[in-house]
Amino acid sequence: MRNKNNKHLGIEIDPALHYKLHYISKYEGRSGNGQILYLIRQCINDFEKENGEIILPEEIAGYNNKK
């Protein structure tokens, strides 16, 4: 079930890229959405390793601590 507090991100993607994304996600045992979240987390981790931690605004940091 969808968490109503989570943000929704809609993107347009060309058919070839969409197919390849789902091909890889299936190979790695993830859904397409799960693969996208994995890639976003990897990108953030890589960025923070190079540039330092991104500090969250209090309203977002507080929300994450309630989980």
PDB file of N, CA and C in Angstrom:
ATOM      1  N   MET A   1       0.843  -1.183   0.000  1.00  0.00           N
ATOM      2  CA  MET A   1       0.000   0.000   0.000  1.00  0.00           C
ATOM      3  C   MET A   1       0.890   1.249   0.000  1.00  0.00           C
ATOM      4  N   ARG A   2       0.478   2.228  -0.727  1.00  0.00           N
ATOM      5  CA  ARG A   2       1.240   3.469  -0.865  1.00  0.00           C
ATOM      6  C   ARG A   2       1.182   4.281   0.420  1.00  0.00           C
ATOM      7  N   ASN A   3       2.329   4.788   0.852  1.00  0.00           N
ATOM      8  CA  ASN A   3       2.418   5.666   2.011  1.00  0.00           C
ATOM      9  C   ASN A   3       2.047   7.075   1.559  1.00  0.00           C
ATOM     10  N   LYS A   4       0.980   7.616   2.106  1.00  0.00           N
ATOM     11  CA  LYS A   4       0.484   8.938   1.696  1.00  0.00           C
ATOM     12  C   LYS A   4       1.469  10.063   2.014  1.00  0.00           C
ATOM     13  N   ASN A   5       2.411   9.823   2.934  1.00  0.00           N
ATOM     14  CA  ASN A   5       3.399  10.847   3.282  1.00  0.00           C
ATOM     15  C   ASN A   5       4.556  10.902   2.297  1.00  0.00           C
ATOM     16  N   ASN A   6       4.741   9.855   1.513  1.00  0.00           N
ATOM     17  CA  ASN A   6       5.830   9.837   0.537  1.00  0.00           C
ATOM     18  C   ASN A   6       5.520  10.755  -0.634  1.00  0.00           C
ATOM     19  N   LYS A   7       6.555  11.265  -1.248  1.00  0.00           N
ATOM     20  CA  LYS A   7       6.422  12.123  -2.425  1.00  0.00           C
ATOM     21  C   LYS A   7       6.296  11.257  -3.672  1.00  0.00           C
ATOM     22  N   HIS A   8       5.572  11.740  -4.643  1.00  0.00           N
ATOM     23  CA  HIS A   8       5.397  11.038  -5.911  1.00  0.00           C
ATOM     24  C   HIS A   8       6.239  11.739  -6.964  1.00  0.00           C
ATOM     25  N   LEU A   9       6.931  10.952  -7.783  1.00  0.00           N
ATOM     26  CA  LEU A   9       7.770  11.502  -8.840  1.00  0.00           C
ATOM     27  C   LEU A   9       7.344  10.859 -10.150  1.00  0.00           C
ATOM     28  N   GLY A  10       6.785  11.630 -11.038  1.00  0.00           N
ATOM     29  CA  GLY A  10       6.396  11.122 -12.351  1.00  0.00           C
ATOM     30  C   GLY A  10       7.413  11.562 -13.394  1.00  0.00           C
ATOM     31  N   ILE A  11       7.832  10.633 -14.247  1.00  0.00           N
ATOM     32  CA  ILE A  11       8.791  10.977 -15.295  1.00  0.00           C
ATOM     33  C   ILE A  11       8.318  10.393 -16.623  1.00  0.00           C
ATOM     34  N   GLU A  12       8.732  11.029 -17.685  1.00  0.00           N
ATOM     35  CA  GLU A  12       8.513  10.468 -19.020  1.00  0.00           C
ATOM     36  C   GLU A  12       9.798   9.786 -19.439  1.00  0.00           C
ATOM     37  N   ILE A  13       9.668   8.628 -20.080  1.00  0.00           N
ATOM     38  CA  ILE A  13      10.832   7.835 -20.457  1.00  0.00           C
ATOM     39  C   ILE A  13      10.568   7.199 -21.818  1.00  0.00           C
ATOM     40  N   ASP A  14      11.568   7.184 -22.680  1.00  0.00           N
ATOM     41  CA  ASP A  14      11.352   6.611 -24.007  1.00  0.00           C
ATOM     42  C   ASP A  14      11.260   5.078 -23.906  1.00  0.00           C
ATOM     43  N   PRO A  15      10.605   4.441 -24.849  1.00  0.00           N
ATOM     44  CA  PRO A  15      10.345   3.001 -24.768  1.00  0.00           C
ATOM     45  C   PRO A  15      11.599   2.130 -24.643  1.00  0.00           C
ATOM     46  N   ALA A  16      12.674   2.471 -25.329  1.00  0.00           N
ATOM     47  CA  ALA A  16      13.892   1.661 -25.255  1.00  0.00           C
ATOM     48  C   ALA A  16      14.501   1.726 -23.854  1.00  0.00           C
ATOM     49  N   LEU A  17      14.572   2.916 -23.290  1.00  0.00           N
ATOM     50  CA  LEU A  17      15.109   3.083 -21.948  1.00  0.00           C
ATOM     51  C   LEU A  17      14.229   2.372 -20.921  1.00  0.00           C
ATOM     52  N   HIS A  18      12.927   2.467 -21.100  1.00  0.00           N
ATOM     53  CA  HIS A  18      11.964   1.790 -20.217  1.00  0.00           C
ATOM     54  C   HIS A  18      12.162   0.280 -20.257  1.00  0.00           C
ATOM     55  N   TYR A  19      12.298  -0.267 -21.445  1.00  0.00           N
ATOM     56  CA  TYR A  19      12.503  -1.709 -21.597  1.00  0.00           C
ATOM     57  C   TYR A  19      13.802  -2.143 -20.916  1.00  0.00           C
ATOM     58  N   LYS A  20      14.875  -1.390 -21.152  1.00  0.00           N
ATOM     59  CA  LYS A  20      16.174  -1.743 -20.592  1.00  0.00           C
ATOM     60  C   LYS A  20      16.169  -1.633 -19.066  1.00  0.00           C
ATOM     61  N   LEU A  21      15.503  -0.621 -18.533  1.00  0.00           N
ATOM     62  CA  LEU A  21      15.374  -0.478 -17.085  1.00  0.00           C
ATOM     63  C   LEU A  21      14.698  -1.708 -16.486  1.00  0.00           C
ATOM     64  N   HIS A  22      13.587  -2.124 -17.084  1.00  0.00           N
ATOM     65  CA  HIS A  22      12.851  -3.276 -16.560  1.00  0.00           C
ATOM     66  C   HIS A  22      13.620  -4.584 -16.779  1.00  0.00           C
ATOM     67  N   TYR A  23      14.375  -4.660 -17.835  1.00  0.00           N
ATOM     68  CA  TYR A  23      15.206  -5.838 -18.084  1.00  0.00           C
ATOM     69  C   TYR A  23      16.233  -5.991 -16.950  1.00  0.00           C
ATOM     70  N   ILE A  24      16.917  -4.897 -16.630  1.00  0.00           N
ATOM     71  CA  ILE A  24      17.923  -4.919 -15.571  1.00  0.00           C
ATOM     72  C   ILE A  24      17.281  -5.158 -14.212  1.00  0.00           C
ATOM     73  N   SER A  25      16.175  -4.479 -13.950  1.00  0.00           N
ATOM     74  CA  SER A  25      15.526  -4.648 -12.649  1.00  0.00           C
ATOM     75  C   SER A  25      15.071  -6.092 -12.442  1.00  0.00           C
ATOM     76  N   LYS A  26      14.548  -6.723 -13.475  1.00  0.00           N
ATOM     77  CA  LYS A  26      14.143  -8.129 -13.367  1.00  0.00           C
ATOM     78  C   LYS A  26      15.364  -9.011 -13.111  1.00  0.00           C
ATOM     79  N   TYR A  27      16.454  -8.757 -13.815  1.00  0.00           N
ATOM     80  CA  TYR A  27      17.698  -9.509 -13.648  1.00  0.00           C
ATOM     81  C   TYR A  27      18.199  -9.409 -12.204  1.00  0.00           C
ATOM     82  N   GLU A  28      18.065  -8.223 -11.607  1.00  0.00           N
ATOM     83  CA  GLU A  28      18.557  -7.989 -10.253  1.00  0.00           C
ATOM     84  C   GLU A  28      17.510  -8.271  -9.185  1.00  0.00           C
ATOM     85  N   GLY A  29      16.347  -8.766  -9.584  1.00  0.00           N
ATOM     86  CA  GLY A  29      15.316  -9.150  -8.622  1.00  0.00           C
ATOM     87  C   GLY A  29      14.552  -7.996  -8.006  1.00  0.00           C
ATOM     88  N   ARG A  30      14.448  -6.915  -8.741  1.00  0.00           N
ATOM     89  CA  ARG A  30      13.721  -5.746  -8.261  1.00  0.00           C
ATOM     90  C   ARG A  30      12.587  -5.416  -9.221  1.00  0.00           C
ATOM     91  N   SER A  31      11.641  -4.652  -8.718  1.00  0.00           N
ATOM     92  CA  SER A  31      10.637  -4.063  -9.597  1.00  0.00           C
ATOM     93  C   SER A  31      11.277  -2.869 -10.301  1.00  0.00           C
ATOM     94  N   GLY A  32      10.610  -2.341 -11.299  1.00  0.00           N
ATOM     95  CA  GLY A  32      11.115  -1.135 -11.954  1.00  0.00           C
ATOM     96  C   GLY A  32      11.233   0.011 -10.969  1.00  0.00           C
ATOM     97  N   ASN A  33      10.229   0.183 -10.127  1.00  0.00           N
ATOM     98  CA  ASN A  33      10.247   1.240  -9.121  1.00  0.00           C
ATOM     99  C   ASN A  33      11.374   1.007  -8.118  1.00  0.00           C
ATOM    100  N   GLY A  34      11.537  -0.235  -7.691  1.00  0.00           N
ATOM    101  CA  GLY A  34      12.614  -0.567  -6.766  1.00  0.00           C
ATOM    102  C   GLY A  34      13.986  -0.285  -7.354  1.00  0.00           C
ATOM    103  N   GLN A  35      14.136  -0.561  -8.649  1.00  0.00           N
ATOM    104  CA  GLN A  35      15.412  -0.290  -9.330  1.00  0.00           C
ATOM    105  C   GLN A  35      15.689   1.206  -9.379  1.00  0.00           C
ATOM    106  N   ILE A  36      14.678   1.990  -9.672  1.00  0.00           N
ATOM    107  CA  ILE A  36      14.848   3.443  -9.712  1.00  0.00           C
ATOM    108  C   ILE A  36      15.249   3.964  -8.339  1.00  0.00           C
ATOM    109  N   LEU A  37      14.582   3.494  -7.270  1.00  0.00           N
ATOM    110  CA  LEU A  37      14.941   3.918  -5.915  1.00  0.00           C
ATOM    111  C   LEU A  37      16.367   3.500  -5.572  1.00  0.00           C
ATOM    112  N   TYR A  38      16.761   2.292  -5.960  1.00  0.00           N
ATOM    113  CA  TYR A  38      18.127   1.821  -5.743  1.00  0.00           C
ATOM    114  C   TYR A  38      19.130   2.752  -6.430  1.00  0.00           C
ATOM    115  N   LEU A  39      18.863   3.108  -7.684  1.00  0.00           N
ATOM    116  CA  LEU A  39      19.774   3.976  -8.435  1.00  0.00           C
ATOM    117  C   LEU A  39      19.839   5.379  -7.839  1.00  0.00           C
ATOM    118  N   ILE A  40      18.708   5.888  -7.370  1.00  0.00           N
ATOM    119  CA  ILE A  40      18.699   7.204  -6.722  1.00  0.00           C
ATOM    120  C   ILE A  40      19.535   7.166  -5.456  1.00  0.00           C
ATOM    121  N   ARG A  41      19.357   6.117  -4.637  1.00  0.00           N
ATOM    122  CA  ARG A  41      20.141   5.992  -3.406  1.00  0.00           C
ATOM    123  C   ARG A  41      21.639   5.892  -3.710  1.00  0.00           C
ATOM    124  N   GLN A  42      21.988   5.132  -4.742  1.00  0.00           N
ATOM    125  CA  GLN A  42      23.392   5.009  -5.139  1.00  0.00           C
ATOM    126  C   GLN A  42      23.961   6.363  -5.545  1.00  0.00           C
ATOM    127  N   CYS A  43      23.204   7.110  -6.304  1.00  0.00           N
ATOM    128  CA  CYS A  43      23.633   8.436  -6.758  1.00  0.00           C
ATOM    129  C   CYS A  43      23.850   9.360  -5.559  1.00  0.00           C
ATOM    130  N   ILE A  44      22.929   9.335  -4.603  1.00  0.00           N
ATOM    131  CA  ILE A  44      23.056  10.173  -3.410  1.00  0.00           C
ATOM    132  C   ILE A  44      24.267   9.746  -2.589  1.00  0.00           C
ATOM    133  N   ASN A  45      24.453   8.448  -2.394  1.00  0.00           N
ATOM    134  CA  ASN A  45      25.614   7.954  -1.649  1.00  0.00           C
ATOM    135  C   ASN A  45      26.918   8.395  -2.309  1.00  0.00           C
ATOM    136  N   ASP A  46      27.003   8.244  -3.617  1.00  0.00           N
ATOM    137  CA  ASP A  46      28.202   8.653  -4.353  1.00  0.00           C
ATOM    138  C   ASP A  46      28.458  10.151  -4.200  1.00  0.00           C
ATOM    139  N   PHE A  47      27.404  10.954  -4.321  1.00  0.00           N
ATOM    140  CA  PHE A  47      27.524  12.407  -4.185  1.00  0.00           C
ATOM    141  C   PHE A  47      28.014  12.771  -2.798  1.00  0.00           C
ATOM    142  N   GLU A  48      27.402  12.169  -1.764  1.00  0.00           N
ATOM    143  CA  GLU A  48      27.771  12.517  -0.393  1.00  0.00           C
ATOM    144  C   GLU A  48      29.187  12.053  -0.042  1.00  0.00           C
ATOM    145  N   LYS A  49      29.636  10.938  -0.603  1.00  0.00           N
ATOM    146  CA  LYS A  49      31.017  10.504  -0.378  1.00  0.00           C
ATOM    147  C   LYS A  49      31.998  11.539  -0.913  1.00  0.00           C
ATOM    148  N   GLU A  50      31.660  12.134  -2.033  1.00  0.00           N
ATOM    149  CA  GLU A  50      32.547  13.094  -2.688  1.00  0.00           C
ATOM    150  C   GLU A  50      32.415  14.507  -2.135  1.00  0.00           C
ATOM    151  N   ASN A  51      31.198  14.875  -1.734  1.00  0.00           N
ATOM    152  CA  ASN A  51      30.919  16.271  -1.386  1.00  0.00           C
ATOM    153  C   ASN A  51      30.462  16.497   0.048  1.00  0.00           C
ATOM    154  N   GLY A  52      30.303  15.442   0.813  1.00  0.00           N
ATOM    155  CA  GLY A  52      29.811  15.580   2.188  1.00  0.00           C
ATOM    156  C   GLY A  52      28.313  15.354   2.264  1.00  0.00           C
ATOM    157  N   GLU A  53      27.889  15.075   3.480  1.00  0.00           N
ATOM    158  CA  GLU A  53      26.478  14.764   3.716  1.00  0.00           C
ATOM    159  C   GLU A  53      25.585  15.945   3.375  1.00  0.00           C
ATOM    160  N   ILE A  54      24.459  15.642   2.761  1.00  0.00           N
ATOM    161  CA  ILE A  54      23.435  16.657   2.498  1.00  0.00           C
ATOM    162  C   ILE A  54      22.602  16.788   3.763  1.00  0.00           C
ATOM    163  N   ILE A  55      22.566  17.969   4.337  1.00  0.00           N
ATOM    164  CA  ILE A  55      21.823  18.212   5.565  1.00  0.00           C
ATOM    165  C   ILE A  55      20.358  18.482   5.216  1.00  0.00           C
ATOM    166  N   LEU A  56      19.483  17.726   5.855  1.00  0.00           N
ATOM    167  CA  LEU A  56      18.057  17.849   5.590  1.00  0.00           C
ATOM    168  C   LEU A  56      17.442  18.984   6.398  1.00  0.00           C
ATOM    169  N   PRO A  57      16.450  19.670   5.829  1.00  0.00           N
ATOM    170  CA  PRO A  57      15.701  20.647   6.621  1.00  0.00           C
ATOM    171  C   PRO A  57      15.028  19.941   7.795  1.00  0.00           C
ATOM    172  N   GLU A  58      14.813  20.646   8.887  1.00  0.00           N
ATOM    173  CA  GLU A  58      14.268  20.068  10.114  1.00  0.00           C
ATOM    174  C   GLU A  58      12.956  19.311   9.896  1.00  0.00           C
ATOM    175  N   GLU A  59      12.062  19.853   9.076  1.00  0.00           N
ATOM    176  CA  GLU A  59      10.756  19.207   8.877  1.00  0.00           C
ATOM    177  C   GLU A  59      10.897  17.843   8.180  1.00  0.00           C
ATOM    178  N   ILE A  60      11.910  17.690   7.355  1.00  0.00           N
ATOM    179  CA  ILE A  60      12.145  16.398   6.686  1.00  0.00           C
ATOM    180  C   ILE A  60      12.940  15.475   7.601  1.00  0.00           C
ATOM    181  N   ALA A  61      13.953  16.019   8.282  1.00  0.00           N
ATOM    182  CA  ALA A  61      14.758  15.209   9.200  1.00  0.00           C
ATOM    183  C   ALA A  61      13.882  14.666  10.317  1.00  0.00           C
ATOM    184  N   GLY A  62      12.982  15.466  10.830  1.00  0.00           N
ATOM    185  CA  GLY A  62      12.069  15.026  11.888  1.00  0.00           C
ATOM    186  C   GLY A  62      11.135  13.933  11.412  1.00  0.00           C
ATOM    187  N   TYR A  63      10.673  14.034  10.179  1.00  0.00           N
ATOM    188  CA  TYR A  63       9.792  13.004   9.617  1.00  0.00           C
ATOM    189  C   TYR A  63      10.531  11.672   9.520  1.00  0.00           C
ATOM    190  N   ASN A  64      11.792  11.697   9.062  1.00  0.00           N
ATOM    191  CA  ASN A  64      12.568  10.461   8.917  1.00  0.00           C
ATOM    192  C   ASN A  64      12.819   9.785  10.260  1.00  0.00           C
ATOM    193  N   ASN A  65      12.952  10.559  11.330  1.00  0.00           N
ATOM    194  CA  ASN A  65      13.199   9.987  12.653  1.00  0.00           C
ATOM    195  C   ASN A  65      11.948   9.349  13.261  1.00  0.00           C
ATOM    196  N   LYS A  66      10.774   9.696  12.759  1.00  0.00           N
ATOM    197  CA  LYS A  66       9.523   9.132  13.286  1.00  0.00           C
ATOM    198  C   LYS A  66       9.261   7.732  12.759  1.00  0.00           C
ATOM    199  N   LYS A  67       9.919   7.362  11.668  1.00  0.00           N
ATOM    200  CA  LYS A  67       9.688   6.056  11.053  1.00  0.00           C
ATOM    201  C   LYS A  67      10.251   4.943  11.891  1.00  0.00           C
TER     202      LYS A  67
END
